[in-house]
Amino acid sequence: MTVTVENADGIQVVALEGRLDSMNASSVEGQLNGLVTADLNRIVVDMAKLDYISSAGLRLILVMAKQVKQVGGKLVLCGMQSHIREVFEISGFLSILTVVETRADALTAVA
């Protein structure tokens, strides 16, 4: 699992690559811990290279969304492959999270 974080004009872009599962979710959570602050509260999670997500990965996304909401920010997910999108749909997360197709759409949505 590779996690890349970059700042794009005050927006934190988190790119996930590989498998997000119970084996690495706590490690990823540790990497992202402290990412959300009152000043840095606009987050894009780019999932274009995410191959697999388990319930532990879904929990991590939900925790991040709650942190962002608590500081009055916005979280947008983008670039989901069809099988990842299906997991989010089955879990009901598509109805509670903002999901767009591309990184450019996500950056516009949080701006």
PDB file of N, CA and C in Angstrom:
ATOM      1  N   MET A   1       0.854  -1.177   0.000  1.00  0.00           N
ATOM      2  CA  MET A   1       0.000   0.000   0.000  1.00  0.00           C
ATOM      3  C   MET A   1       0.889   1.224   0.000  1.00  0.00           C
ATOM      4  N   THR A   2       0.667   2.086  -0.969  1.00  0.00           N
ATOM      5  CA  THR A   2       1.407   3.337  -1.047  1.00  0.00           C
ATOM      6  C   THR A   2       0.444   4.498  -0.846  1.00  0.00           C
ATOM      7  N   VAL A   3       0.830   5.417   0.022  1.00  0.00           N
ATOM      8  CA  VAL A   3       0.032   6.615   0.282  1.00  0.00           C
ATOM      9  C   VAL A   3       0.887   7.818  -0.056  1.00  0.00           C
ATOM     10  N   THR A   4       0.368   8.674  -0.933  1.00  0.00           N
ATOM     11  CA  THR A   4       1.059   9.901  -1.301  1.00  0.00           C
ATOM     12  C   THR A   4       0.160  11.073  -0.939  1.00  0.00           C
ATOM     13  N   VAL A   5       0.717  12.041  -0.232  1.00  0.00           N
ATOM     14  CA  VAL A   5      -0.044  13.229   0.139  1.00  0.00           C
ATOM     15  C   VAL A   5       0.641  14.439  -0.472  1.00  0.00           C
ATOM     16  N   GLU A   6      -0.139  15.241  -1.172  1.00  0.00           N
ATOM     17  CA  GLU A   6       0.398  16.483  -1.732  1.00  0.00           C
ATOM     18  C   GLU A   6      -0.581  17.611  -1.472  1.00  0.00           C
ATOM     19  N   ASN A   7      -0.070  18.819  -1.461  1.00  0.00           N
ATOM     20  CA  ASN A   7      -0.894  19.996  -1.243  1.00  0.00           C
ATOM     21  C   ASN A   7      -1.084  20.693  -2.581  1.00  0.00           C
ATOM     22  N   ALA A   8      -2.340  20.868  -2.982  1.00  0.00           N
ATOM     23  CA  ALA A   8      -2.669  21.544  -4.235  1.00  0.00           C
ATOM     24  C   ALA A   8      -3.470  22.794  -3.896  1.00  0.00           C
ATOM     25  N   ASP A   9      -2.761  23.912  -3.739  1.00  0.00           N
ATOM     26  CA  ASP A   9      -3.411  25.198  -3.424  1.00  0.00           C
ATOM     27  C   ASP A   9      -4.295  25.108  -2.186  1.00  0.00           C
ATOM     28  N   GLY A  10      -3.754  24.541  -1.104  1.00  0.00           N
ATOM     29  CA  GLY A  10      -4.485  24.460   0.152  1.00  0.00           C
ATOM     30  C   GLY A  10      -5.404  23.260   0.278  1.00  0.00           C
ATOM     31  N   ILE A  11      -5.433  22.422  -0.742  1.00  0.00           N
ATOM     32  CA  ILE A  11      -6.241  21.206  -0.706  1.00  0.00           C
ATOM     33  C   ILE A  11      -5.288  20.022  -0.556  1.00  0.00           C
ATOM     34  N   GLN A  12      -5.537  19.189   0.449  1.00  0.00           N
ATOM     35  CA  GLN A  12      -4.712  18.003   0.647  1.00  0.00           C
ATOM     36  C   GLN A  12      -5.218  16.906  -0.289  1.00  0.00           C
ATOM     37  N   VAL A  13      -4.345  16.407  -1.168  1.00  0.00           N
ATOM     38  CA  VAL A  13      -4.711  15.322  -2.068  1.00  0.00           C
ATOM     39  C   VAL A  13      -3.997  14.057  -1.595  1.00  0.00           C
ATOM     40  N   VAL A  14      -4.795  13.069  -1.219  1.00  0.00           N
ATOM     41  CA  VAL A  14      -4.276  11.790  -0.744  1.00  0.00           C
ATOM     42  C   VAL A  14      -4.503  10.758  -1.848  1.00  0.00           C
ATOM     43  N   ALA A  15      -3.417  10.235  -2.407  1.00  0.00           N
ATOM     44  CA  ALA A  15      -3.514   9.209  -3.442  1.00  0.00           C
ATOM     45  C   ALA A  15      -3.214   7.858  -2.818  1.00  0.00           C
ATOM     46  N   LEU A  16      -4.141   6.923  -3.003  1.00  0.00           N
ATOM     47  CA  LEU A  16      -3.989   5.571  -2.454  1.00  0.00           C
ATOM     48  C   LEU A  16      -3.679   4.613  -3.594  1.00  0.00           C
ATOM     49  N   GLU A  17      -2.676   3.760  -3.383  1.00  0.00           N
ATOM     50  CA  GLU A  17      -2.293   2.802  -4.426  1.00  0.00           C
ATOM     51  C   GLU A  17      -2.085   1.425  -3.794  1.00  0.00           C
ATOM     52  N   GLY A  18      -2.715   0.418  -4.387  1.00  0.00           N
ATOM     53  CA  GLY A  18      -2.564  -0.946  -3.888  1.00  0.00           C
ATOM     54  C   GLY A  18      -3.812  -1.440  -3.191  1.00  0.00           C
ATOM     55  N   ARG A  19      -3.606  -2.149  -2.091  1.00  0.00           N
ATOM     56  CA  ARG A  19      -4.697  -2.757  -1.318  1.00  0.00           C
ATOM     57  C   ARG A  19      -4.808  -2.076   0.043  1.00  0.00           C
ATOM     58  N   LEU A  20      -6.007  -1.649   0.380  1.00  0.00           N
ATOM     59  CA  LEU A  20      -6.268  -1.070   1.692  1.00  0.00           C
ATOM     60  C   LEU A  20      -7.115  -2.079   2.459  1.00  0.00           C
ATOM     61  N   ASP A  21      -6.467  -2.798   3.372  1.00  0.00           N
ATOM     62  CA  ASP A  21      -7.151  -3.873   4.087  1.00  0.00           C
ATOM     63  C   ASP A  21      -6.715  -3.905   5.546  1.00  0.00           C
ATOM     64  N   SER A  22      -7.142  -4.923   6.258  1.00  0.00           N
ATOM     65  CA  SER A  22      -6.858  -5.003   7.689  1.00  0.00           C
ATOM     66  C   SER A  22      -5.368  -5.133   7.987  1.00  0.00           C
ATOM     67  N   MET A  23      -4.598  -5.603   7.030  1.00  0.00           N
ATOM     68  CA  MET A  23      -3.158  -5.752   7.225  1.00  0.00           C
ATOM     69  C   MET A  23      -2.433  -4.404   7.283  1.00  0.00           C
ATOM     70  N   ASN A  24      -2.982  -3.388   6.609  1.00  0.00           N
ATOM     71  CA  ASN A  24      -2.273  -2.106   6.546  1.00  0.00           C
ATOM     72  C   ASN A  24      -3.118  -0.893   6.926  1.00  0.00           C
ATOM     73  N   ALA A  25      -4.376  -1.083   7.261  1.00  0.00           N
ATOM     74  CA  ALA A  25      -5.252   0.065   7.552  1.00  0.00           C
ATOM     75  C   ALA A  25      -4.737   0.898   8.718  1.00  0.00           C
ATOM     76  N   SER A  26      -4.250   0.255   9.765  1.00  0.00           N
ATOM     77  CA  SER A  26      -3.757   1.028  10.915  1.00  0.00           C
ATOM     78  C   SER A  26      -2.491   1.800  10.555  1.00  0.00           C
ATOM     79  N   SER A  27      -1.649   1.230   9.723  1.00  0.00           N
ATOM     80  CA  SER A  27      -0.456   1.929   9.261  1.00  0.00           C
ATOM     81  C   SER A  27      -0.829   3.150   8.419  1.00  0.00           C
ATOM     82  N   VAL A  28      -1.793   2.976   7.520  1.00  0.00           N
ATOM     83  CA  VAL A  28      -2.260   4.091   6.695  1.00  0.00           C
ATOM     84  C   VAL A  28      -2.900   5.154   7.565  1.00  0.00           C
ATOM     85  N   GLU A  29      -3.688   4.722   8.544  1.00  0.00           N
ATOM     86  CA  GLU A  29      -4.317   5.672   9.463  1.00  0.00           C
ATOM     87  C   GLU A  29      -3.247   6.493  10.191  1.00  0.00           C
ATOM     88  N   GLY A  30      -2.171   5.827  10.591  1.00  0.00           N
ATOM     89  CA  GLY A  30      -1.061   6.522  11.233  1.00  0.00           C
ATOM     90  C   GLY A  30      -0.419   7.545  10.322  1.00  0.00           C
ATOM     91  N   GLN A  31      -0.287   7.196   9.039  1.00  0.00           N
ATOM     92  CA  GLN A  31       0.294   8.132   8.070  1.00  0.00           C
ATOM     93  C   GLN A  31      -0.599   9.351   7.867  1.00  0.00           C
ATOM     94  N   LEU A  32      -1.916   9.135   7.947  1.00  0.00           N
ATOM     95  CA  LEU A  32      -2.859  10.222   7.685  1.00  0.00           C
ATOM     96  C   LEU A  32      -3.271  10.960   8.952  1.00  0.00           C
ATOM     97  N   ASN A  33      -2.897  10.418  10.114  1.00  0.00           N
ATOM     98  CA  ASN A  33      -3.236  11.052  11.387  1.00  0.00           C
ATOM     99  C   ASN A  33      -2.641  12.464  11.431  1.00  0.00           C
ATOM    100  N   GLY A  34      -3.444  13.421  11.767  1.00  0.00           N
ATOM    101  CA  GLY A  34      -2.982  14.802  11.822  1.00  0.00           C
ATOM    102  C   GLY A  34      -3.083  15.539  10.502  1.00  0.00           C
ATOM    103  N   LEU A  35      -3.507  14.838   9.460  1.00  0.00           N
ATOM    104  CA  LEU A  35      -3.654  15.474   8.146  1.00  0.00           C
ATOM    105  C   LEU A  35      -4.752  16.529   8.157  1.00  0.00           C
ATOM    106  N   VAL A  36      -5.821  16.227   8.882  1.00  0.00           N
ATOM    107  CA  VAL A  36      -6.975  17.119   8.938  1.00  0.00           C
ATOM    108  C   VAL A  36      -6.815  18.079  10.102  1.00  0.00           C
ATOM    109  N   THR A  37      -6.790  19.366   9.800  1.00  0.00           N
ATOM    110  CA  THR A  37      -6.745  20.405  10.824  1.00  0.00           C
ATOM    111  C   THR A  37      -7.768  21.470  10.470  1.00  0.00           C
ATOM    112  N   ALA A  38      -7.947  22.417  11.349  1.00  0.00           N
ATOM    113  CA  ALA A  38      -8.880  23.503  11.066  1.00  0.00           C
ATOM    114  C   ALA A  38      -8.427  24.304   9.847  1.00  0.00           C
ATOM    115  N   ASP A  39      -7.115  24.420   9.656  1.00  0.00           N
ATOM    116  CA  ASP A  39      -6.591  25.175   8.520  1.00  0.00           C
ATOM    117  C   ASP A  39      -6.514  24.344   7.238  1.00  0.00           C
ATOM    118  N   LEU A  40      -6.296  23.051   7.378  1.00  0.00           N
ATOM    119  CA  LEU A  40      -6.208  22.145   6.230  1.00  0.00           C
ATOM    120  C   LEU A  40      -7.370  21.162   6.305  1.00  0.00           C
ATOM    121  N   ASN A  41      -8.531  21.634   5.893  1.00  0.00           N
ATOM    122  CA  ASN A  41      -9.725  20.826   6.079  1.00  0.00           C
ATOM    123  C   ASN A  41     -10.423  20.472   4.773  1.00  0.00           C
ATOM    124  N   ARG A  42      -9.737  20.679   3.663  1.00  0.00           N
ATOM    125  CA  ARG A  42     -10.284  20.268   2.367  1.00  0.00           C
ATOM    126  C   ARG A  42      -9.417  19.119   1.851  1.00  0.00           C
ATOM    127  N   ILE A  43     -10.044  17.942   1.733  1.00  0.00           N
ATOM    128  CA  ILE A  43      -9.308  16.715   1.420  1.00  0.00           C
ATOM    129  C   ILE A  43      -9.903  16.048   0.178  1.00  0.00           C
ATOM    130  N   VAL A  44      -9.034  15.659  -0.743  1.00  0.00           N
ATOM    131  CA  VAL A  44      -9.406  14.827  -1.885  1.00  0.00           C
ATOM    132  C   VAL A  44      -8.696  13.493  -1.707  1.00  0.00           C
ATOM    133  N   VAL A  45      -9.449  12.399  -1.813  1.00  0.00           N
ATOM    134  CA  VAL A  45      -8.854  11.067  -1.763  1.00  0.00           C
ATOM    135  C   VAL A  45      -8.968  10.470  -3.166  1.00  0.00           C
ATOM    136  N   ASP A  46      -7.808  10.347  -3.816  1.00  0.00           N
ATOM    137  CA  ASP A  46      -7.748   9.823  -5.182  1.00  0.00           C
ATOM    138  C   ASP A  46      -7.554   8.308  -5.107  1.00  0.00           C
ATOM    139  N   MET A  47      -8.536   7.569  -5.600  1.00  0.00           N
ATOM    140  CA  MET A  47      -8.523   6.108  -5.518  1.00  0.00           C
ATOM    141  C   MET A  47      -8.275   5.452  -6.875  1.00  0.00           C
ATOM    142  N   ALA A  48      -7.753   6.197  -7.815  1.00  0.00           N
ATOM    143  CA  ALA A  48      -7.567   5.673  -9.174  1.00  0.00           C
ATOM    144  C   ALA A  48      -6.677   4.430  -9.199  1.00  0.00           C
ATOM    145  N   LYS A  49      -5.724   4.338  -8.274  1.00  0.00           N
ATOM    146  CA  LYS A  49      -4.801   3.195  -8.262  1.00  0.00           C
ATOM    147  C   LYS A  49      -5.054   2.255  -7.087  1.00  0.00           C
ATOM    148  N   LEU A  50      -6.224   2.408  -6.461  1.00  0.00           N
ATOM    149  CA  LEU A  50      -6.587   1.512  -5.361  1.00  0.00           C
ATOM    150  C   LEU A  50      -7.198   0.253  -5.970  1.00  0.00           C
ATOM    151  N   ASP A  51      -6.602  -0.902  -5.666  1.00  0.00           N
ATOM    152  CA  ASP A  51      -7.038  -2.169  -6.257  1.00  0.00           C
ATOM    153  C   ASP A  51      -8.062  -2.904  -5.409  1.00  0.00           C
ATOM    154  N   TYR A  52      -8.028  -2.660  -4.092  1.00  0.00           N
ATOM    155  CA  TYR A  52      -8.896  -3.414  -3.188  1.00  0.00           C
ATOM    156  C   TYR A  52      -9.113  -2.603  -1.920  1.00  0.00           C
ATOM    157  N   ILE A  53     -10.330  -2.683  -1.371  1.00  0.00           N
ATOM    158  CA  ILE A  53     -10.602  -2.056  -0.082  1.00  0.00           C
ATOM    159  C   ILE A  53     -11.468  -3.006   0.741  1.00  0.00           C
ATOM    160  N   SER A  54     -11.071  -3.213   1.986  1.00  0.00           N
ATOM    161  CA  SER A  54     -11.820  -4.084   2.894  1.00  0.00           C
ATOM    162  C   SER A  54     -12.655  -3.218   3.837  1.00  0.00           C
ATOM    163  N   SER A  55     -13.350  -3.878   4.752  1.00  0.00           N
ATOM    164  CA  SER A  55     -14.140  -3.134   5.737  1.00  0.00           C
ATOM    165  C   SER A  55     -13.242  -2.259   6.605  1.00  0.00           C
ATOM    166  N   ALA A  56     -12.013  -2.698   6.851  1.00  0.00           N
ATOM    167  CA  ALA A  56     -11.070  -1.877   7.619  1.00  0.00           C
ATOM    168  C   ALA A  56     -10.722  -0.601   6.846  1.00  0.00           C
ATOM    169  N   GLY A  57     -10.602  -0.709   5.545  1.00  0.00           N
ATOM    170  CA  GLY A  57     -10.339   0.457   4.706  1.00  0.00           C
ATOM    171  C   GLY A  57     -11.534   1.397   4.668  1.00  0.00           C
ATOM    172  N   LEU A  58     -12.725   0.820   4.587  1.00  0.00           N
ATOM    173  CA  LEU A  58     -13.946   1.638   4.616  1.00  0.00           C
ATOM    174  C   LEU A  58     -14.035   2.404   5.928  1.00  0.00           C
ATOM    175  N   ARG A  59     -13.711   1.730   7.040  1.00  0.00           N
ATOM    176  CA  ARG A  59     -13.727   2.383   8.339  1.00  0.00           C
ATOM    177  C   ARG A  59     -12.766   3.564   8.366  1.00  0.00           C
ATOM    178  N   LEU A  60     -11.588   3.391   7.779  1.00  0.00           N
ATOM    179  CA  LEU A  60     -10.595   4.464   7.724  1.00  0.00           C
ATOM    180  C   LEU A  60     -11.147   5.675   6.965  1.00  0.00           C
ATOM    181  N   ILE A  61     -11.794   5.433   5.844  1.00  0.00           N
ATOM    182  CA  ILE A  61     -12.389   6.525   5.062  1.00  0.00           C
ATOM    183  C   ILE A  61     -13.472   7.223   5.872  1.00  0.00           C
ATOM    184  N   LEU A  62     -14.290   6.447   6.576  1.00  0.00           N
ATOM    185  CA  LEU A  62     -15.363   7.023   7.390  1.00  0.00           C
ATOM    186  C   LEU A  62     -14.804   7.860   8.536  1.00  0.00           C
ATOM    187  N   VAL A  63     -13.752   7.380   9.183  1.00  0.00           N
ATOM    188  CA  VAL A  63     -13.105   8.135  10.260  1.00  0.00           C
ATOM    189  C   VAL A  63     -12.571   9.458   9.715  1.00  0.00           C
ATOM    190  N   MET A  64     -11.948   9.405   8.557  1.00  0.00           N
ATOM    191  CA  MET A  64     -11.413  10.629   7.948  1.00  0.00           C
ATOM    192  C   MET A  64     -12.548  11.606   7.620  1.00  0.00           C
ATOM    193  N   ALA A  65     -13.644  11.091   7.091  1.00  0.00           N
ATOM    194  CA  ALA A  65     -14.791  11.949   6.762  1.00  0.00           C
ATOM    195  C   ALA A  65     -15.344  12.625   8.019  1.00  0.00           C
ATOM    196  N   LYS A  66     -15.409  11.887   9.121  1.00  0.00           N
ATOM    197  CA  LYS A  66     -15.894  12.465  10.375  1.00  0.00           C
ATOM    198  C   LYS A  66     -14.945  13.542  10.894  1.00  0.00           C
ATOM    199  N   GLN A  67     -13.645  13.312  10.786  1.00  0.00           N
ATOM    200  CA  GLN A  67     -12.663  14.315  11.211  1.00  0.00           C
ATOM    201  C   GLN A  67     -12.817  15.595  10.391  1.00  0.00           C
ATOM    202  N   VAL A  68     -12.980  15.439   9.098  1.00  0.00           N
ATOM    203  CA  VAL A  68     -13.129  16.602   8.216  1.00  0.00           C
ATOM    204  C   VAL A  68     -14.404  17.366   8.569  1.00  0.00           C
ATOM    205  N   LYS A  69     -15.481  16.645   8.805  1.00  0.00           N
ATOM    206  CA  LYS A  69     -16.759  17.281   9.150  1.00  0.00           C
ATOM    207  C   LYS A  69     -16.654  18.052  10.462  1.00  0.00           C
ATOM    208  N   GLN A  70     -15.921  17.489  11.432  1.00  0.00           N
ATOM    209  CA  GLN A  70     -15.784  18.134  12.735  1.00  0.00           C
ATOM    210  C   GLN A  70     -15.088  19.483  12.659  1.00  0.00           C
ATOM    211  N   VAL A  71     -14.215  19.666  11.684  1.00  0.00           N
ATOM    212  CA  VAL A  71     -13.511  20.946  11.556  1.00  0.00           C
ATOM    213  C   VAL A  71     -14.118  21.818  10.455  1.00  0.00           C
ATOM    214  N   GLY A  72     -15.317  21.449   9.992  1.00  0.00           N
ATOM    215  CA  GLY A  72     -16.026  22.257   9.009  1.00  0.00           C
ATOM    216  C   GLY A  72     -15.454  22.189   7.615  1.00  0.00           C
ATOM    217  N   GLY A  73     -14.809  21.086   7.293  1.00  0.00           N
ATOM    218  CA  GLY A  73     -14.182  20.945   5.983  1.00  0.00           C
ATOM    219  C   GLY A  73     -15.002  20.124   5.025  1.00  0.00           C
ATOM    220  N   LYS A  74     -14.330  19.681   3.970  1.00  0.00           N
ATOM    221  CA  LYS A  74     -15.001  18.896   2.938  1.00  0.00           C
ATOM    222  C   LYS A  74     -14.072  17.791   2.469  1.00  0.00           C
ATOM    223  N   LEU A  75     -14.636  16.587   2.310  1.00  0.00           N
ATOM    224  CA  LEU A  75     -13.900  15.425   1.815  1.00  0.00           C
ATOM    225  C   LEU A  75     -14.579  14.948   0.542  1.00  0.00           C
ATOM    226  N   VAL A  76     -13.789  14.749  -0.510  1.00  0.00           N
ATOM    227  CA  VAL A  76     -14.312  14.243  -1.772  1.00  0.00           C
ATOM    228  C   VAL A  76     -13.436  13.088  -2.228  1.00  0.00           C
ATOM    229  N   LEU A  77     -14.076  12.001  -2.622  1.00  0.00           N
ATOM    230  CA  LEU A  77     -13.383  10.828  -3.149  1.00  0.00           C
ATOM    231  C   LEU A  77     -13.478  10.850  -4.667  1.00  0.00           C
ATOM    232  N   CYS A  78     -12.422  10.380  -5.332  1.00  0.00           N
ATOM    233  CA  CYS A  78     -12.453  10.378  -6.792  1.00  0.00           C
ATOM    234  C   CYS A  78     -11.690   9.186  -7.361  1.00  0.00           C
ATOM    235  N   GLY A  79     -11.915   8.945  -8.647  1.00  0.00           N
ATOM    236  CA  GLY A  79     -11.142   7.970  -9.395  1.00  0.00           C
ATOM    237  C   GLY A  79     -11.401   6.521  -9.052  1.00  0.00           C
ATOM    238  N   MET A  80     -12.572   6.204  -8.511  1.00  0.00           N
ATOM    239  CA  MET A  80     -12.846   4.821  -8.105  1.00  0.00           C
ATOM    240  C   MET A  80     -12.987   3.902  -9.312  1.00  0.00           C
ATOM    241  N   GLN A  81     -12.282   2.777  -9.263  1.00  0.00           N
ATOM    242  CA  GLN A  81     -12.514   1.732 -10.256  1.00  0.00           C
ATOM    243  C   GLN A  81     -13.877   1.120  -9.971  1.00  0.00           C
ATOM    244  N   SER A  82     -14.462   0.468 -10.954  1.00  0.00           N
ATOM    245  CA  SER A  82     -15.837  -0.019 -10.816  1.00  0.00           C
ATOM    246  C   SER A  82     -16.008  -0.991  -9.644  1.00  0.00           C
ATOM    247  N   HIS A  83     -15.044  -1.871  -9.407  1.00  0.00           N
ATOM    248  CA  HIS A  83     -15.198  -2.831  -8.304  1.00  0.00           C
ATOM    249  C   HIS A  83     -15.062  -2.156  -6.937  1.00  0.00           C
ATOM    250  N   ILE A  84     -14.295  -1.072  -6.855  1.00  0.00           N
ATOM    251  CA  ILE A  84     -14.197  -0.301  -5.606  1.00  0.00           C
ATOM    252  C   ILE A  84     -15.502   0.468  -5.392  1.00  0.00           C
ATOM    253  N   ARG A  85     -16.017   1.056  -6.448  1.00  0.00           N
ATOM    254  CA  ARG A  85     -17.281   1.789  -6.362  1.00  0.00           C
ATOM    255  C   ARG A  85     -18.412   0.864  -5.899  1.00  0.00           C
ATOM    256  N   GLU A  86     -18.380  -0.377  -6.365  1.00  0.00           N
ATOM    257  CA  GLU A  86     -19.401  -1.348  -5.977  1.00  0.00           C
ATOM    258  C   GLU A  86     -19.354  -1.619  -4.470  1.00  0.00           C
ATOM    259  N   VAL A  87     -18.160  -1.703  -3.904  1.00  0.00           N
ATOM    260  CA  VAL A  87     -18.009  -1.903  -2.455  1.00  0.00           C
ATOM    261  C   VAL A  87     -18.621  -0.709  -1.710  1.00  0.00           C
ATOM    262  N   PHE A  88     -18.349   0.499  -2.191  1.00  0.00           N
ATOM    263  CA  PHE A  88     -18.906   1.691  -1.552  1.00  0.00           C
ATOM    264  C   PHE A  88     -20.427   1.727  -1.703  1.00  0.00           C
ATOM    265  N   GLU A  89     -20.930   1.266  -2.837  1.00  0.00           N
ATOM    266  CA  GLU A  89     -22.373   1.251  -3.052  1.00  0.00           C
ATOM    267  C   GLU A  89     -23.046   0.235  -2.133  1.00  0.00           C
ATOM    268  N   ILE A  90     -22.502  -0.967  -2.068  1.00  0.00           N
ATOM    269  CA  ILE A  90     -23.075  -2.023  -1.224  1.00  0.00           C
ATOM    270  C   ILE A  90     -23.060  -1.617   0.247  1.00  0.00           C
ATOM    271  N   SER A  91     -21.997  -0.943   0.666  1.00  0.00           N
ATOM    272  CA  SER A  91     -21.874  -0.538   2.066  1.00  0.00           C
ATOM    273  C   SER A  91     -22.752   0.670   2.420  1.00  0.00           C
ATOM    274  N   GLY A  92     -23.295   1.326   1.405  1.00  0.00           N
ATOM    275  CA  GLY A  92     -24.118   2.508   1.640  1.00  0.00           C
ATOM    276  C   GLY A  92     -23.317   3.796   1.735  1.00  0.00           C
ATOM    277  N   PHE A  93     -22.004   3.712   1.530  1.00  0.00           N
ATOM    278  CA  PHE A  93     -21.145   4.882   1.658  1.00  0.00           C
ATOM    279  C   PHE A  93     -21.344   5.894   0.533  1.00  0.00           C
ATOM    280  N   LEU A  94     -21.820   5.446  -0.624  1.00  0.00           N
ATOM    281  CA  LEU A  94     -22.036   6.392  -1.722  1.00  0.00           C
ATOM    282  C   LEU A  94     -23.103   7.423  -1.372  1.00  0.00           C
ATOM    283  N   SER A  95     -24.010   7.036  -0.490  1.00  0.00           N
ATOM    284  CA  SER A  95     -25.082   7.971  -0.120  1.00  0.00           C
ATOM    285  C   SER A  95     -24.650   8.969   0.951  1.00  0.00           C
ATOM    286  N   ILE A  96     -23.531   8.702   1.643  1.00  0.00           N
ATOM    287  CA  ILE A  96     -23.117   9.621   2.711  1.00  0.00           C
ATOM    288  C   ILE A  96     -21.820  10.358   2.403  1.00  0.00           C
ATOM    289  N   LEU A  97     -21.115   9.953   1.334  1.00  0.00           N
ATOM    290  CA  LEU A  97     -19.863  10.600   0.957  1.00  0.00           C
ATOM    291  C   LEU A  97     -19.993  11.208  -0.426  1.00  0.00           C
ATOM    292  N   THR A  98     -19.183  12.224  -0.693  1.00  0.00           N
ATOM    293  CA  THR A  98     -19.165  12.838  -2.019  1.00  0.00           C
ATOM    294  C   THR A  98     -18.143  12.099  -2.873  1.00  0.00           C
ATOM    295  N   VAL A  99     -18.616  11.552  -3.994  1.00  0.00           N
ATOM    296  CA  VAL A  99     -17.760  10.792  -4.903  1.00  0.00           C
ATOM    297  C   VAL A  99     -17.923  11.358  -6.308  1.00  0.00           C
ATOM    298  N   VAL A 100     -16.784  11.685  -6.936  1.00  0.00           N
ATOM    299  CA  VAL A 100     -16.788  12.196  -8.304  1.00  0.00           C
ATOM    300  C   VAL A 100     -15.831  11.339  -9.139  1.00  0.00           C
ATOM    301  N   GLU A 101     -15.867  11.552 -10.444  1.00  0.00           N
ATOM    302  CA  GLU A 101     -15.080  10.712 -11.346  1.00  0.00           C
ATOM    303  C   GLU A 101     -13.589  11.030 -11.341  1.00  0.00           C
ATOM    304  N   THR A 102     -13.232  12.295 -11.503  1.00  0.00           N
ATOM    305  CA  THR A 102     -11.826  12.637 -11.728  1.00  0.00           C
ATOM    306  C   THR A 102     -11.250  13.499 -10.612  1.00  0.00           C
ATOM    307  N   ARG A 103      -9.932  13.554 -10.570  1.00  0.00           N
ATOM    308  CA  ARG A 103      -9.251  14.406  -9.593  1.00  0.00           C
ATOM    309  C   ARG A 103      -9.605  15.872  -9.838  1.00  0.00           C
ATOM    310  N   ALA A 104      -9.683  16.270 -11.091  1.00  0.00           N
ATOM    311  CA  ALA A 104     -10.042  17.657 -11.403  1.00  0.00           C
ATOM    312  C   ALA A 104     -11.442  17.987 -10.879  1.00  0.00           C
ATOM    313  N   ASP A 105     -12.382  17.068 -11.040  1.00  0.00           N
ATOM    314  CA  ASP A 105     -13.738  17.268 -10.509  1.00  0.00           C
ATOM    315  C   ASP A 105     -13.711  17.381  -8.988  1.00  0.00           C
ATOM    316  N   ALA A 106     -12.879  16.567  -8.358  1.00  0.00           N
ATOM    317  CA  ALA A 106     -12.773  16.576  -6.894  1.00  0.00           C
ATOM    318  C   ALA A 106     -12.190  17.898  -6.399  1.00  0.00           C
ATOM    319  N   LEU A 107     -11.147  18.363  -7.059  1.00  0.00           N
ATOM    320  CA  LEU A 107     -10.542  19.643  -6.668  1.00  0.00           C
ATOM    321  C   LEU A 107     -11.552  20.777  -6.797  1.00  0.00           C
ATOM    322  N   THR A 108     -12.358  20.741  -7.845  1.00  0.00           N
ATOM    323  CA  THR A 108     -13.404  21.759  -8.027  1.00  0.00           C
ATOM    324  C   THR A 108     -14.457  21.648  -6.933  1.00  0.00           C
ATOM    325  N   ALA A 109     -14.822  20.409  -6.582  1.00  0.00           N
ATOM    326  CA  ALA A 109     -15.865  20.185  -5.573  1.00  0.00           C
ATOM    327  C   ALA A 109     -15.471  20.667  -4.180  1.00  0.00           C
ATOM    328  N   VAL A 110     -14.187  20.604  -3.837  1.00  0.00           N
ATOM    329  CA  VAL A 110     -13.770  21.043  -2.507  1.00  0.00           C
ATOM    330  C   VAL A 110     -13.319  22.493  -2.475  1.00  0.00           C
ATOM    331  N   ALA A 111     -13.134  23.092  -3.622  1.00  0.00           N
ATOM    332  CA  ALA A 111     -12.636  24.492  -3.677  1.00  0.00           C
ATOM    333  C   ALA A 111     -13.652  25.461  -3.124  1.00  0.00           C
TER     334      ALA A 111
END
